[in-house]
Amino acid sequence: MKVGEDVYPILFSVGKVNVYTHGLMIILGAIIGGLIIYYLAKKKQYETSFLFDTIVYSLLGGLIGARILYVILYYYQFADLKEMLFIWYGGLVSYGGIIGGVLVAALVLRIRKQNIWQWFDIGIIGLMVGWAIGRIGCLLNGDSLGIVLNSRIAIWGRAPVPLFESIWAILVAAFCYFLLKRKGKTFLPDGLIFWIGLGLYVFGRIGLDFLRDEEAMLWFLKTGQVGSLLLLIVMGLIIFLIVRKRRKNEGY
């Protein structure tokens, strides 16, 4: 949802060429998130020759996944199939982006014969930082603002949900980095940090979605919350299986 005339969908223009705020922030988030992953990979002494390609392919996979899920959920907004391809008009769903990006990254890492879960443990940190930057672009674009709010924290008279989500993503990234530093000293099998980080993000989204200006889909739950709960259940099962396998392998 877009509100008011104080939003900044176009950051600046060069002649007839417009530089869109949301797109620029997504690119900036991808660059900074990628640099963080590169830095952590160097510290872990991982091979990084293929990292740039992996990030680019994952970003494309994320955009495609986000668009596909948006079309599935909001198919009634489109007049025909051709219009579904007009991504520049807006319309992305975050979970579709995460799923698409993660699947593409896993495929590239598998082709490169890399330890997928080791990479995902550092990748979640870069992903959350990049995500936080991208959501600032969403805020400035005037998208996904929340309920009408009479408070000092309100922006344009509404709850700044993207800003809250951005802050939460940074906190999740910081916690995952803390876990990564302790990975060699504690019981943390490969992949667990990734699932913990993703789980924390989803858990935060469930709470923040109460502030979104949307109608309930199921009882008092909104569309994003229903998706979050389903994803949280799946992730909980995966974390349980990872820990159980590690304990079994080490004779616990």
Protein backbone atom coordinates (compact mmCIF):
# COMPACT_ATOMS: atom_id res chain seq x y z
CA MET A 1 0.00 0.00 0.00
CA LYS A 2 1.24 3.44 -0.82
CA VAL A 3 0.27 6.53 1.10
CA GLY A 4 0.74 10.25 0.87
CA GLU A 5 3.00 12.35 -1.28
CA ASP A 6 5.92 12.30 1.14
CA VAL A 7 7.17 8.89 0.04
CA TYR A 8 10.24 8.65 -2.15
CA PRO A 9 9.72 6.00 -4.86
CA ILE A 10 12.17 7.88 -7.13
CA LEU A 11 15.41 8.79 -5.37
CA PHE A 12 16.69 10.99 -8.18
CA SER A 13 16.57 11.37 -11.95
CA VAL A 14 19.25 11.79 -14.58
CA GLY A 15 17.54 13.34 -17.58
CA LYS A 16 14.62 11.04 -18.38
CA VAL A 17 16.13 8.14 -16.45
CA ASN A 18 14.65 7.59 -12.98
CA VAL A 19 16.60 5.86 -10.22
CA TYR A 20 14.01 4.04 -8.11
CA THR A 21 14.63 3.95 -4.37
CA HIS A 22 13.42 0.41 -3.73
CA GLY A 23 15.46 -1.11 -6.55
CA LEU A 24 18.57 0.82 -5.56
CA MET A 25 18.28 -0.30 -1.94
CA ILE A 26 17.83 -3.93 -3.02
CA ILE A 27 21.02 -3.69 -5.07
CA LEU A 28 22.85 -1.94 -2.21
CA GLY A 29 21.65 -4.63 0.19
CA ALA A 30 22.88 -7.37 -2.15
CA ILE A 31 26.31 -5.72 -2.43
CA ILE A 32 26.76 -5.16 1.30
CA GLY A 33 25.36 -8.59 2.19
CA GLY A 34 27.67 -10.17 -0.39
CA LEU A 35 30.70 -8.34 1.02
CA ILE A 36 29.83 -9.61 4.51
CA ILE A 37 29.61 -13.18 3.22
CA TYR A 38 32.94 -12.73 1.41
CA TYR A 39 34.60 -11.41 4.58
CA LEU A 40 33.29 -14.28 6.71
CA ALA A 41 34.25 -16.83 4.05
CA LYS A 42 37.81 -15.48 4.00
CA LYS A 43 38.00 -15.76 7.78
CA LYS A 44 36.83 -19.37 7.51
CA GLN A 45 39.32 -19.92 4.65
CA TYR A 46 36.61 -21.05 2.23
CA GLU A 47 37.14 -20.95 -1.52
CA THR A 48 35.56 -17.73 -2.82
CA SER A 49 36.26 -17.83 -6.57
CA PHE A 50 32.61 -18.66 -7.35
CA LEU A 51 31.01 -16.44 -4.71
CA PHE A 52 30.11 -13.54 -7.03
CA ASP A 53 28.29 -15.83 -9.45
CA THR A 54 26.45 -17.52 -6.59
CA ILE A 55 25.21 -14.20 -5.20
CA VAL A 56 24.09 -12.91 -8.61
CA TYR A 57 22.23 -16.13 -9.46
CA SER A 58 20.66 -16.21 -6.00
CA LEU A 59 19.48 -12.61 -6.35
CA LEU A 60 17.85 -13.42 -9.69
CA GLY A 61 16.30 -16.57 -8.21
CA GLY A 62 15.00 -14.52 -5.31
CA LEU A 63 13.38 -11.92 -7.56
CA ILE A 64 11.75 -14.63 -9.68
CA GLY A 65 10.55 -16.52 -6.61
CA ALA A 66 9.17 -13.37 -5.01
CA ARG A 67 7.27 -12.51 -8.18
CA ILE A 68 5.89 -16.02 -8.68
CA LEU A 69 4.53 -16.17 -5.13
CA TYR A 70 2.99 -12.70 -5.51
CA VAL A 71 1.23 -13.77 -8.71
CA ILE A 72 -0.06 -16.93 -7.00
CA LEU A 73 -1.42 -15.05 -3.99
CA TYR A 74 -2.75 -12.00 -5.82
CA TYR A 75 -3.66 -13.43 -9.23
CA TYR A 76 -6.90 -11.43 -9.24
CA GLN A 77 -4.94 -8.18 -9.61
CA PHE A 78 -3.80 -9.05 -13.14
CA ALA A 79 -5.85 -8.57 -16.29
CA ASP A 80 -3.91 -11.15 -18.30
CA LEU A 81 -0.82 -13.39 -18.26
CA LYS A 82 1.34 -10.75 -19.93
CA GLU A 83 0.74 -8.30 -17.11
CA MET A 84 2.12 -10.81 -14.62
CA LEU A 85 5.55 -10.27 -16.16
CA PHE A 86 5.54 -6.52 -15.52
CA ILE A 87 7.65 -6.71 -12.36
CA TRP A 88 8.58 -3.02 -12.64
CA TYR A 89 5.01 -2.16 -11.60
CA GLY A 90 5.75 -3.73 -8.22
CA GLY A 91 4.53 -6.88 -6.54
CA LEU A 92 6.98 -9.12 -4.65
CA VAL A 93 6.44 -11.48 -1.71
CA SER A 94 9.39 -11.79 0.66
CA TYR A 95 9.08 -15.50 1.41
CA GLY A 96 9.04 -16.32 -2.29
CA GLY A 97 12.26 -14.35 -2.61
CA ILE A 98 13.94 -16.15 0.28
CA ILE A 99 12.90 -19.59 -0.97
CA GLY A 100 13.93 -18.83 -4.56
CA GLY A 101 17.29 -17.38 -3.55
CA VAL A 102 18.10 -20.21 -1.14
CA LEU A 103 17.23 -22.92 -3.67
CA VAL A 104 19.40 -21.33 -6.37
CA ALA A 105 22.30 -20.87 -3.93
CA ALA A 106 22.04 -24.51 -2.86
CA LEU A 107 22.08 -25.64 -6.50
CA VAL A 108 25.18 -23.57 -7.34
CA LEU A 109 27.00 -24.76 -4.22
CA ARG A 110 26.13 -28.36 -5.01
CA ILE A 111 27.45 -28.00 -8.55
CA ARG A 112 30.64 -26.53 -7.08
CA LYS A 113 30.87 -29.50 -4.68
CA GLN A 114 30.82 -27.24 -1.63
CA ASN A 115 29.51 -27.88 1.88
CA ILE A 116 26.12 -26.23 1.48
CA TRP A 117 25.34 -25.95 5.18
CA GLN A 118 28.69 -24.37 6.07
CA TRP A 119 28.07 -21.69 3.48
CA PHE A 120 24.48 -21.21 4.60
CA ASP A 121 25.66 -20.60 8.18
CA ILE A 122 27.58 -17.52 7.05
CA GLY A 123 25.14 -16.71 4.27
CA ILE A 124 22.26 -16.09 6.69
CA ILE A 125 24.23 -13.21 8.22
CA GLY A 126 24.75 -11.48 4.89
CA LEU A 127 21.17 -12.25 3.89
CA MET A 128 19.71 -10.61 6.99
CA VAL A 129 21.87 -7.48 6.65
CA GLY A 130 21.02 -7.18 2.95
CA TRP A 131 17.37 -7.77 3.76
CA ALA A 132 17.42 -4.99 6.34
CA ILE A 133 18.74 -2.53 3.76
CA GLY A 134 16.20 -3.64 1.17
CA ARG A 135 13.32 -3.09 3.60
CA ILE A 136 14.43 0.51 4.10
CA GLY A 137 13.88 0.91 0.37
CA CYS A 138 10.42 -0.58 0.83
CA LEU A 139 9.69 2.00 3.53
CA LEU A 140 10.86 4.94 1.43
CA ASN A 141 8.79 3.63 -1.46
CA GLY A 142 5.69 3.75 0.76
CA ASP A 143 5.01 0.00 0.46
CA SER A 144 3.79 -2.31 3.22
CA LEU A 145 3.11 0.45 5.73
CA GLY A 146 0.98 -0.66 8.64
CA ILE A 147 -2.14 0.34 10.50
CA VAL A 148 -3.02 3.93 11.29
CA LEU A 149 -1.03 4.83 14.38
CA ASN A 150 -1.25 7.92 16.57
CA SER A 151 2.25 7.74 18.02
CA ARG A 152 5.67 9.36 17.79
CA ILE A 153 7.03 6.24 16.12
CA ALA A 154 4.49 6.53 13.29
CA ILE A 155 5.69 7.53 9.82
CA TRP A 156 3.16 9.25 7.56
CA GLY A 157 0.58 8.45 10.25
CA ARG A 158 1.08 4.70 10.05
CA ALA A 159 3.12 1.97 11.72
CA PRO A 160 6.48 1.76 9.87
CA VAL A 161 6.43 -2.03 9.56
CA PRO A 162 9.35 -2.22 7.06
CA LEU A 163 11.52 -0.21 9.46
CA PHE A 164 10.66 -2.54 12.34
CA GLU A 165 11.41 -5.53 10.12
CA SER A 166 14.74 -3.98 9.15
CA ILE A 167 15.74 -3.55 12.79
CA TRP A 168 14.69 -7.11 13.57
CA ALA A 169 16.76 -8.47 10.66
CA ILE A 170 19.86 -6.65 11.95
CA LEU A 171 19.33 -8.15 15.42
CA VAL A 172 18.97 -11.63 13.91
CA ALA A 173 22.18 -11.11 11.90
CA ALA A 174 24.04 -10.03 15.06
CA PHE A 175 22.84 -13.10 16.97
CA CYS A 176 23.82 -15.42 14.11
CA TYR A 177 27.28 -13.84 14.04
CA PHE A 178 27.59 -14.47 17.77
CA LEU A 179 26.68 -18.13 17.21
CA LEU A 180 29.14 -18.39 14.32
CA LYS A 181 32.00 -17.18 16.53
CA ARG A 182 31.13 -19.88 19.07
CA LYS A 183 30.52 -22.61 16.51
CA GLY A 184 33.80 -24.41 17.19
CA LYS A 185 33.31 -24.27 20.97
CA THR A 186 29.70 -25.41 21.29
CA PHE A 187 27.29 -28.01 19.94
CA LEU A 188 26.40 -26.33 16.65
CA PRO A 189 26.27 -28.68 13.65
CA ASP A 190 26.58 -27.26 10.14
CA GLY A 191 23.33 -25.67 9.00
CA LEU A 192 21.89 -25.06 12.46
CA ILE A 193 22.84 -21.37 12.54
CA PHE A 194 21.10 -20.86 9.21
CA TRP A 195 17.87 -22.47 10.39
CA ILE A 196 17.97 -20.66 13.74
CA GLY A 197 18.47 -17.32 11.98
CA LEU A 198 15.72 -17.96 9.47
CA GLY A 199 13.43 -19.19 12.23
CA LEU A 200 14.00 -16.06 14.31
CA TYR A 201 13.27 -13.86 11.31
CA VAL A 202 10.02 -15.71 10.61
CA PHE A 203 9.04 -15.57 14.30
CA GLY A 204 9.54 -11.80 14.25
CA ARG A 205 7.46 -11.50 11.09
CA ILE A 206 4.54 -13.20 12.80
CA GLY A 207 4.47 -10.47 15.42
CA LEU A 208 5.10 -7.58 13.04
CA ASP A 209 2.37 -8.70 10.67
CA PHE A 210 -0.21 -7.80 13.32
CA LEU A 211 0.68 -4.20 12.49
CA ARG A 212 0.08 -4.62 8.75
CA ASP A 213 -2.98 -2.97 7.28
CA GLU A 214 -4.47 -6.17 5.85
CA GLU A 215 -7.59 -8.22 6.37
CA ALA A 216 -7.41 -11.51 8.25
CA MET A 217 -7.12 -14.65 6.14
CA LEU A 218 -7.71 -17.33 8.76
CA TRP A 219 -9.38 -16.41 12.05
CA PHE A 220 -7.36 -13.39 13.23
CA LEU A 221 -4.27 -14.33 11.19
CA LYS A 222 -3.24 -12.47 8.06
CA THR A 223 -1.82 -14.04 4.89
CA GLY A 224 1.80 -13.51 5.88
CA GLN A 225 1.23 -14.94 9.34
CA VAL A 226 -0.34 -18.12 8.01
CA GLY A 227 2.66 -18.58 5.70
CA SER A 228 5.04 -17.79 8.55
CA LEU A 229 3.49 -20.39 10.85
CA LEU A 230 3.64 -23.08 8.18
CA LEU A 231 7.27 -22.22 7.46
CA LEU A 232 8.09 -22.16 11.17
CA ILE A 233 6.70 -25.66 11.62
CA VAL A 234 8.76 -26.98 8.71
CA MET A 235 11.92 -25.29 10.00
CA GLY A 236 11.36 -26.62 13.51
CA LEU A 237 11.19 -30.14 12.11
CA ILE A 238 14.37 -29.60 10.07
CA ILE A 239 16.27 -28.26 13.10
CA PHE A 240 15.11 -31.25 15.15
CA LEU A 241 16.34 -33.69 12.48
CA ILE A 242 19.72 -31.90 12.15
CA VAL A 243 20.35 -32.00 15.90
CA ARG A 244 19.15 -35.59 16.17
CA LYS A 245 21.46 -36.71 13.34
CA ARG A 246 24.44 -34.91 14.89
CA ARG A 247 23.82 -36.49 18.28
CA LYS A 248 23.46 -39.91 16.70
CA ASN A 249 26.72 -39.53 14.74
CA GLU A 250 28.60 -38.46 17.85
CA GLY A 251 27.10 -41.18 20.03
CA TYR A 252 24.95 -39.02 22.32
